[in-house]
Amino acid sequence: IRGPVSIHTATSIEPVDITSMQITKSVNSTTNTKD
């Protein structure tokens, strides 16, 4: 089925600055079976 609605890729008006930050996950995903 060909739909009537077409959407194009969105582009920012100006170049964007990207910030990257280090994160830490300090929650146990699994239990240590030995201890």
PDB file of all heavy atoms in Angstrom:
ATOM      1  N   ILE A   1       0.864  -1.188   0.000  1.00  0.00           N
ATOM      2  CA  ILE A   1       0.000   0.000   0.000  1.00  0.00           C
ATOM      3  C   ILE A   1       0.894   1.229   0.000  1.00  0.00           C
ATOM      4  O   ILE A   1       1.737   1.387   0.878  1.00  0.00           O
ATOM      5  CB  ILE A   1      -0.918   0.008   1.237  1.00  0.00           C
ATOM      6  CG1 ILE A   1      -1.828  -1.226   1.229  1.00  0.00           C
ATOM      7  CG2 ILE A   1      -1.745   1.293   1.299  1.00  0.00           C
ATOM      8  CD1 ILE A   1      -2.628  -1.423   2.504  1.00  0.00           C
ATOM      9  N   ARG A   2       0.714   2.085  -0.999  1.00  0.00           N
ATOM     10  CA  ARG A   2       1.463   3.348  -1.057  1.00  0.00           C
ATOM     11  C   ARG A   2       0.691   4.399  -0.291  1.00  0.00           C
ATOM     12  O   ARG A   2      -0.452   4.704  -0.614  1.00  0.00           O
ATOM     13  CB  ARG A   2       1.651   3.795  -2.508  1.00  0.00           C
ATOM     14  CG  ARG A   2       2.682   2.958  -3.248  1.00  0.00           C
ATOM     15  CD  ARG A   2       2.972   3.522  -4.615  1.00  0.00           C
ATOM     16  NE  ARG A   2       3.485   4.876  -4.529  1.00  0.00           N
ATOM     17  CZ  ARG A   2       3.404   5.768  -5.525  1.00  0.00           C
ATOM     18  NH1 ARG A   2       2.817   5.458  -6.644  1.00  0.00           N
ATOM     19  NH2 ARG A   2       3.895   6.969  -5.366  1.00  0.00           N
ATOM     20  N   GLY A   3       1.326   4.943   0.729  1.00  0.00           N
ATOM     21  CA  GLY A   3       0.670   5.965   1.541  1.00  0.00           C
ATOM     22  C   GLY A   3       0.840   7.342   0.941  1.00  0.00           C
ATOM     23  O   GLY A   3       1.834   7.627   0.263  1.00  0.00           O
ATOM     24  N   PRO A   4      -0.098   8.241   1.197  1.00  0.00           N
ATOM     25  CA  PRO A   4      -0.027   9.586   0.629  1.00  0.00           C
ATOM     26  C   PRO A   4       0.926  10.527   1.360  1.00  0.00           C
ATOM     27  O   PRO A   4       1.342  11.530   0.807  1.00  0.00           O
ATOM     28  CB  PRO A   4      -1.471  10.086   0.769  1.00  0.00           C
ATOM     29  CG  PRO A   4      -2.023   9.340   1.934  1.00  0.00           C
ATOM     30  CD  PRO A   4      -1.366   7.994   1.899  1.00  0.00           C
ATOM     31  N   VAL A   5       1.284  10.212   2.612  1.00  0.00           N
ATOM     32  CA  VAL A   5       2.089  11.134   3.414  1.00  0.00           C
ATOM     33  C   VAL A   5       3.571  10.805   3.265  1.00  0.00           C
ATOM     34  O   VAL A   5       4.001   9.692   3.548  1.00  0.00           O
ATOM     35  CB  VAL A   5       1.686  11.076   4.905  1.00  0.00           C
ATOM     36  CG1 VAL A   5       2.550  12.032   5.732  1.00  0.00           C
ATOM     37  CG2 VAL A   5       0.209  11.414   5.074  1.00  0.00           C
ATOM     38  N   SER A   6       4.338  11.785   2.797  1.00  0.00           N
ATOM     39  CA  SER A   6       5.793  11.661   2.702  1.00  0.00           C
ATOM     40  C   SER A   6       6.425  12.624   3.686  1.00  0.00           C
ATOM     41  O   SER A   6       6.007  13.780   3.783  1.00  0.00           O
ATOM     42  CB  SER A   6       6.283  11.999   1.297  1.00  0.00           C
ATOM     43  OG  SER A   6       5.839  11.035   0.379  1.00  0.00           O
ATOM     44  N   ILE A   7       7.423  12.150   4.396  1.00  0.00           N
ATOM     45  CA  ILE A   7       8.158  12.977   5.360  1.00  0.00           C
ATOM     46  C   ILE A   7       9.621  12.989   4.938  1.00  0.00           C
ATOM     47  O   ILE A   7      10.174  11.947   4.599  1.00  0.00           O
ATOM     48  CB  ILE A   7       8.051  12.387   6.792  1.00  0.00           C
ATOM     49  CG1 ILE A   7       6.597  12.236   7.230  1.00  0.00           C
ATOM     50  CG2 ILE A   7       8.851  13.208   7.788  1.00  0.00           C
ATOM     51  CD1 ILE A   7       5.896  13.501   7.617  1.00  0.00           C
ATOM     52  N   HIS A   8      10.234  14.156   4.964  1.00  0.00           N
ATOM     53  CA  HIS A   8      11.642  14.267   4.607  1.00  0.00           C
ATOM     54  C   HIS A   8      12.493  14.305   5.878  1.00  0.00           C
ATOM     55  O   HIS A   8      11.978  14.565   6.955  1.00  0.00           O
ATOM     56  CB  HIS A   8      11.900  15.544   3.809  1.00  0.00           C
ATOM     57  CG  HIS A   8      11.129  15.609   2.526  1.00  0.00           C
ATOM     58  ND1 HIS A   8      11.404  16.510   1.553  1.00  0.00           N
ATOM     59  CD2 HIS A   8      10.092  14.876   2.051  1.00  0.00           C
ATOM     60  CE1 HIS A   8      10.582  16.347   0.531  1.00  0.00           C
ATOM     61  NE2 HIS A   8       9.767  15.356   0.823  1.00  0.00           N
ATOM     62  N   THR A   9      13.777  14.076   5.730  1.00  0.00           N
ATOM     63  CA  THR A   9      14.717  14.173   6.851  1.00  0.00           C
ATOM     64  C   THR A   9      14.732  15.598   7.383  1.00  0.00           C
ATOM     65  O   THR A   9      14.707  16.561   6.615  1.00  0.00           O
ATOM     66  CB  THR A   9      16.135  13.780   6.368  1.00  0.00           C
ATOM     67  OG1 THR A   9      16.104  12.414   5.944  1.00  0.00           O
ATOM     68  CG2 THR A   9      17.169  13.948   7.456  1.00  0.00           C
ATOM     69  N   ALA A  10      14.759  15.729   8.714  1.00  0.00           N
ATOM     70  CA  ALA A  10      14.865  17.053   9.338  1.00  0.00           C
ATOM     71  C   ALA A  10      16.341  17.454   9.412  1.00  0.00           C
ATOM     72  O   ALA A  10      17.200  16.609   9.666  1.00  0.00           O
ATOM     73  CB  ALA A  10      14.263  17.025  10.739  1.00  0.00           C
ATOM     74  N   THR A  11      16.611  18.723   9.189  1.00  0.00           N
ATOM     75  CA  THR A  11      17.974  19.249   9.258  1.00  0.00           C
ATOM     76  C   THR A  11      17.966  20.513  10.098  1.00  0.00           C
ATOM     77  O   THR A  11      17.050  21.327   9.988  1.00  0.00           O
ATOM     78  CB  THR A  11      18.505  19.578   7.839  1.00  0.00           C
ATOM     79  OG1 THR A  11      18.364  18.416   7.010  1.00  0.00           O
ATOM     80  CG2 THR A  11      19.960  19.983   7.873  1.00  0.00           C
ATOM     81  N   SER A  12      19.003  20.671  10.923  1.00  0.00           N
ATOM     82  CA  SER A  12      19.073  21.882  11.749  1.00  0.00           C
ATOM     83  C   SER A  12      19.460  23.079  10.894  1.00  0.00           C
ATOM     84  O   SER A  12      20.179  22.945   9.897  1.00  0.00           O
ATOM     85  CB  SER A  12      20.065  21.701  12.903  1.00  0.00           C
ATOM     86  OG  SER A  12      21.381  21.543  12.416  1.00  0.00           O
ATOM     87  N   ILE A  13      18.969  24.251  11.283  1.00  0.00           N
ATOM     88  CA  ILE A  13      19.246  25.475  10.526  1.00  0.00           C
ATOM     89  C   ILE A  13      20.732  25.821  10.597  1.00  0.00           C
ATOM     90  O   ILE A  13      21.335  26.222   9.608  1.00  0.00           O
ATOM     91  CB  ILE A  13      18.390  26.639  11.080  1.00  0.00           C
ATOM     92  CG1 ILE A  13      16.907  26.349  10.831  1.00  0.00           C
ATOM     93  CG2 ILE A  13      18.789  27.964  10.453  1.00  0.00           C
ATOM     94  CD1 ILE A  13      15.962  27.314  11.511  1.00  0.00           C
ATOM     95  N   GLU A  14      21.318  25.648  11.764  1.00  0.00           N
ATOM     96  CA  GLU A  14      22.742  25.925  11.984  1.00  0.00           C
ATOM     97  C   GLU A  14      23.438  24.622  12.375  1.00  0.00           C
ATOM     98  O   GLU A  14      22.785  23.682  12.837  1.00  0.00           O
ATOM     99  CB  GLU A  14      22.915  26.936  13.128  1.00  0.00           C
ATOM    100  CG  GLU A  14      22.277  28.292  12.889  1.00  0.00           C
ATOM    101  CD  GLU A  14      23.014  29.118  11.867  1.00  0.00           C
ATOM    102  OE1 GLU A  14      24.229  28.890  11.671  1.00  0.00           O
ATOM    103  OE2 GLU A  14      22.388  29.994  11.245  1.00  0.00           O
ATOM    104  N   PRO A  15      24.770  24.563  12.236  1.00  0.00           N
ATOM    105  CA  PRO A  15      25.485  23.387  12.760  1.00  0.00           C
ATOM    106  C   PRO A  15      25.222  23.248  14.262  1.00  0.00           C
ATOM    107  O   PRO A  15      25.014  24.258  14.956  1.00  0.00           O
ATOM    108  CB  PRO A  15      26.959  23.725  12.490  1.00  0.00           C
ATOM    109  CG  PRO A  15      26.927  24.674  11.337  1.00  0.00           C
ATOM    110  CD  PRO A  15      25.672  25.493  11.537  1.00  0.00           C
ATOM    111  N   VAL A  16      25.211  22.022  14.762  1.00  0.00           N
ATOM    112  CA  VAL A  16      24.931  21.790  16.184  1.00  0.00           C
ATOM    113  C   VAL A  16      26.193  21.343  16.911  1.00  0.00           C
ATOM    114  O   VAL A  16      27.079  20.720  16.320  1.00  0.00           O
ATOM    115  CB  VAL A  16      23.817  20.728  16.383  1.00  0.00           C
ATOM    116  CG1 VAL A  16      22.488  21.244  15.866  1.00  0.00           C
ATOM    117  CG2 VAL A  16      24.165  19.401  15.744  1.00  0.00           C
ATOM    118  N   ASP A  17      26.262  21.689  18.186  1.00  0.00           N
ATOM    119  CA  ASP A  17      27.341  21.220  19.050  1.00  0.00           C
ATOM    120  C   ASP A  17      26.851  19.986  19.781  1.00  0.00           C
ATOM    121  O   ASP A  17      25.736  19.965  20.314  1.00  0.00           O
ATOM    122  CB  ASP A  17      27.732  22.296  20.077  1.00  0.00           C
ATOM    123  CG  ASP A  17      28.429  23.483  19.421  1.00  0.00           C
ATOM    124  OD1 ASP A  17      29.159  23.268  18.439  1.00  0.00           O
ATOM    125  OD2 ASP A  17      28.234  24.618  19.902  1.00  0.00           O
ATOM    126  N   ILE A  18      27.689  18.960  19.791  1.00  0.00           N
ATOM    127  CA  ILE A  18      27.338  17.720  20.481  1.00  0.00           C
ATOM    128  C   ILE A  18      28.238  17.572  21.693  1.00  0.00           C
ATOM    129  O   ILE A  18      29.459  17.699  21.594  1.00  0.00           O
ATOM    130  CB  ILE A  18      27.488  16.512  19.536  1.00  0.00           C
ATOM    131  CG1 ILE A  18      26.457  16.623  18.409  1.00  0.00           C
ATOM    132  CG2 ILE A  18      27.312  15.196  20.298  1.00  0.00           C
ATOM    133  CD1 ILE A  18      26.552  15.555  17.355  1.00  0.00           C
ATOM    134  N   THR A  19      27.619  17.353  22.838  1.00  0.00           N
ATOM    135  CA  THR A  19      28.346  17.126  24.080  1.00  0.00           C
ATOM    136  C   THR A  19      28.289  15.642  24.404  1.00  0.00           C
ATOM    137  O   THR A  19      27.233  15.018  24.302  1.00  0.00           O
ATOM    138  CB  THR A  19      27.704  17.924  25.236  1.00  0.00           C
ATOM    139  OG1 THR A  19      27.774  19.319  24.921  1.00  0.00           O
ATOM    140  CG2 THR A  19      28.398  17.671  26.555  1.00  0.00           C
ATOM    141  N   SER A  20      29.434  15.097  24.773  1.00  0.00           N
ATOM    142  CA  SER A  20      29.501  13.698  25.188  1.00  0.00           C
ATOM    143  C   SER A  20      29.925  13.655  26.645  1.00  0.00           C
ATOM    144  O   SER A  20      30.820  14.390  27.056  1.00  0.00           O
ATOM    145  CB  SER A  20      30.516  12.927  24.338  1.00  0.00           C
ATOM    146  OG  SER A  20      30.138  12.980  22.977  1.00  0.00           O
ATOM    147  N   MET A  21      29.257  12.825  27.414  1.00  0.00           N
ATOM    148  CA  MET A  21      29.634  12.714  28.817  1.00  0.00           C
ATOM    149  C   MET A  21      29.779  11.249  29.209  1.00  0.00           C
ATOM    150  O   MET A  21      29.055  10.391  28.721  1.00  0.00           O
ATOM    151  CB  MET A  21      28.612  13.411  29.716  1.00  0.00           C
ATOM    152  CG  MET A  21      27.230  12.826  29.692  1.00  0.00           C
ATOM    153  SD  MET A  21      26.126  13.574  30.888  1.00  0.00           S
ATOM    154  CE  MET A  21      25.832  15.145  30.131  1.00  0.00           C
ATOM    155  N   GLN A  22      30.764  11.010  30.076  1.00  0.00           N
ATOM    156  CA  GLN A  22      30.988   9.664  30.597  1.00  0.00           C
ATOM    157  C   GLN A  22      29.924   9.380  31.648  1.00  0.00           C
ATOM    158  O   GLN A  22      29.637  10.239  32.490  1.00  0.00           O
ATOM    159  CB  GLN A  22      32.380   9.602  31.232  1.00  0.00           C
ATOM    160  CG  GLN A  22      32.850   8.223  31.565  1.00  0.00           C
ATOM    161  CD  GLN A  22      33.399   7.486  30.360  1.00  0.00           C
ATOM    162  OE1 GLN A  22      33.857   8.094  29.412  1.00  0.00           O
ATOM    163  NE2 GLN A  22      33.346   6.175  30.407  1.00  0.00           N
ATOM    164  N   ILE A  23      29.314   8.205  31.583  1.00  0.00           N
ATOM    165  CA  ILE A  23      28.320   7.842  32.586  1.00  0.00           C
ATOM    166  C   ILE A  23      28.725   6.506  33.224  1.00  0.00           C
ATOM    167  O   ILE A  23      29.484   5.735  32.648  1.00  0.00           O
ATOM    168  CB  ILE A  23      26.899   7.734  31.995  1.00  0.00           C
ATOM    169  CG1 ILE A  23      26.848   6.712  30.853  1.00  0.00           C
ATOM    170  CG2 ILE A  23      26.399   9.089  31.538  1.00  0.00           C
ATOM    171  CD1 ILE A  23      25.456   6.382  30.365  1.00  0.00           C
ATOM    172  N   THR A  24      28.229   6.281  34.429  1.00  0.00           N
ATOM    173  CA  THR A  24      28.502   5.043  35.155  1.00  0.00           C
ATOM    174  C   THR A  24      27.197   4.405  35.573  1.00  0.00           C
ATOM    175  O   THR A  24      26.329   5.071  36.132  1.00  0.00           O
ATOM    176  CB  THR A  24      29.335   5.351  36.427  1.00  0.00           C
ATOM    177  OG1 THR A  24      30.488   6.083  36.053  1.00  0.00           O
ATOM    178  CG2 THR A  24      29.740   4.077  37.126  1.00  0.00           C
ATOM    179  N   LYS A  25      27.062   3.124  35.283  1.00  0.00           N
ATOM    180  CA  LYS A  25      25.899   2.376  35.751  1.00  0.00           C
ATOM    181  C   LYS A  25      26.369   1.584  36.964  1.00  0.00           C
ATOM    182  O   LYS A  25      27.219   0.705  36.857  1.00  0.00           O
ATOM    183  CB  LYS A  25      25.388   1.437  34.671  1.00  0.00           C
ATOM    184  CG  LYS A  25      24.134   0.676  35.086  1.00  0.00           C
ATOM    185  CD  LYS A  25      23.617  -0.225  33.996  1.00  0.00           C
ATOM    186  CE  LYS A  25      24.364  -1.538  34.096  1.00  0.00           C
ATOM    187  NZ  LYS A  25      23.823  -2.590  33.255  1.00  0.00           N
ATOM    188  N   SER A  26      25.844   1.911  38.121  1.00  0.00           N
ATOM    189  CA  SER A  26      26.309   1.252  39.346  1.00  0.00           C
ATOM    190  C   SER A  26      25.212   0.405  39.976  1.00  0.00           C
ATOM    191  O   SER A  26      25.110   0.303  41.184  1.00  0.00           O
ATOM    192  CB  SER A  26      26.822   2.294  40.341  1.00  0.00           C
ATOM    193  OG  SER A  26      25.802   3.222  40.620  1.00  0.00           O
ATOM    194  N   VAL A  27      24.399  -0.213  39.123  1.00  0.00           N
ATOM    195  CA  VAL A  27      23.340  -1.098  39.580  1.00  0.00           C
ATOM    196  C   VAL A  27      23.702  -2.509  39.158  1.00  0.00           C
ATOM    197  O   VAL A  27      24.181  -2.728  38.044  1.00  0.00           O
ATOM    198  CB  VAL A  27      21.981  -0.694  38.949  1.00  0.00           C
ATOM    199  CG1 VAL A  27      20.885  -1.670  39.325  1.00  0.00           C
ATOM    200  CG2 VAL A  27      21.608   0.722  39.369  1.00  0.00           C
ATOM    201  N   ASN A  28      23.484  -3.479  40.036  1.00  0.00           N
ATOM    202  CA  ASN A  28      23.769  -4.868  39.674  1.00  0.00           C
ATOM    203  C   ASN A  28      22.791  -5.341  38.611  1.00  0.00           C
ATOM    204  O   ASN A  28      21.584  -5.336  38.830  1.00  0.00           O
ATOM    205  CB  ASN A  28      23.649  -5.783  40.899  1.00  0.00           C
ATOM    206  CG  ASN A  28      24.773  -5.570  41.885  1.00  0.00           C
ATOM    207  OD1 ASN A  28      25.779  -4.963  41.570  1.00  0.00           O
ATOM    208  ND2 ASN A  28      24.595  -6.066  43.092  1.00  0.00           N
ATOM    209  N   SER A  29      23.310  -5.751  37.467  1.00  0.00           N
ATOM    210  CA  SER A  29      22.465  -6.338  36.430  1.00  0.00           C
ATOM    211  C   SER A  29      22.190  -7.800  36.744  1.00  0.00           C
ATOM    212  O   SER A  29      21.130  -8.326  36.485  1.00  0.00           O
ATOM    213  CB  SER A  29      23.131  -6.234  35.058  1.00  0.00           C
ATOM    214  OG  SER A  29      23.272  -4.880  34.700  1.00  0.00           O
ATOM    215  N   THR A  30      23.200  -8.462  37.322  1.00  0.00           N
ATOM    216  CA  THR A  30      23.073  -9.865  37.704  1.00  0.00           C
ATOM    217  C   THR A  30      23.641 -10.036  39.112  1.00  0.00           C
ATOM    218  O   THR A  30      24.384  -9.188  39.600  1.00  0.00           O
ATOM    219  CB  THR A  30      23.842 -10.787  36.735  1.00  0.00           C
ATOM    220  OG1 THR A  30      25.220 -10.406  36.740  1.00  0.00           O
ATOM    221  CG2 THR A  30      23.288 -10.693  35.328  1.00  0.00           C
ATOM    222  N   THR A  31      23.310 -11.144  39.726  1.00  0.00           N
ATOM    223  CA  THR A  31      23.825 -11.439  41.060  1.00  0.00           C
ATOM    224  C   THR A  31      25.084 -12.284  40.927  1.00  0.00           C
ATOM    225  O   THR A  31      25.136 -13.223  40.132  1.00  0.00           O
ATOM    226  CB  THR A  31      22.767 -12.216  41.882  1.00  0.00           C
ATOM    227  OG1 THR A  31      21.580 -11.445  41.921  1.00  0.00           O
ATOM    228  CG2 THR A  31      23.246 -12.487  43.291  1.00  0.00           C
ATOM    229  N   ASN A  32      26.093 -11.952  41.703  1.00  0.00           N
ATOM    230  CA  ASN A  32      27.315 -12.737  41.734  1.00  0.00           C
ATOM    231  C   ASN A  32      26.978 -14.067  42.417  1.00  0.00           C
ATOM    232  O   ASN A  32      26.662 -14.104  43.601  1.00  0.00           O
ATOM    233  CB  ASN A  32      28.400 -11.965  42.501  1.00  0.00           C
ATOM    234  CG  ASN A  32      29.729 -12.687  42.494  1.00  0.00           C
ATOM    235  OD1 ASN A  32      29.802 -13.904  42.346  1.00  0.00           O
ATOM    236  ND2 ASN A  32      30.790 -11.910  42.674  1.00  0.00           N
ATOM    237  N   THR A  33      27.035 -15.174  41.655  1.00  0.00           N
ATOM    238  CA  THR A  33      26.619 -16.476  42.204  1.00  0.00           C
ATOM    239  C   THR A  33      27.576 -16.988  43.272  1.00  0.00           C
ATOM    240  O   THR A  33      27.165 -17.684  44.194  1.00  0.00           O
ATOM    241  CB  THR A  33      26.493 -17.524  41.077  1.00  0.00           C
ATOM    242  OG1 THR A  33      27.707 -17.551  40.331  1.00  0.00           O
ATOM    243  CG2 THR A  33      25.324 -17.198  40.161  1.00  0.00           C
ATOM    244  N   LYS A  34      28.848 -16.632  43.176  1.00  0.00           N
ATOM    245  CA  LYS A  34      29.828 -17.088  44.171  1.00  0.00           C
ATOM    246  C   LYS A  34      29.694 -16.332  45.475  1.00  0.00           C
ATOM    247  O   LYS A  34      29.893 -16.876  46.548  1.00  0.00           O
ATOM    248  CB  LYS A  34      31.251 -16.949  43.608  1.00  0.00           C
ATOM    249  CG  LYS A  34      31.518 -17.900  42.444  1.00  0.00           C
ATOM    250  CD  LYS A  34      32.910 -17.716  41.895  1.00  0.00           C
ATOM    251  CE  LYS A  34      33.095 -18.609  40.681  1.00  0.00           C
ATOM    252  NZ  LYS A  34      34.343 -18.327  39.994  1.00  0.00           N
ATOM    253  N   ASP A  35      29.375 -15.041  45.370  1.00  0.00           N
ATOM    254  CA  ASP A  35      29.225 -14.207  46.569  1.00  0.00           C
ATOM    255  C   ASP A  35      28.041 -13.260  46.347  1.00  0.00           C
ATOM    256  O   ASP A  35      28.215 -12.127  45.883  1.00  0.00           O
ATOM    257  CB  ASP A  35      30.508 -13.420  46.823  1.00  0.00           C
ATOM    258  CG  ASP A  35      30.457 -12.606  48.119  1.00  0.00           C
ATOM    259  OD1 ASP A  35      29.440 -12.724  48.849  1.00  0.00           O
ATOM    260  OD2 ASP A  35      31.418 -11.866  48.385  1.00  0.00           O
TER     261      ASP A  35
END
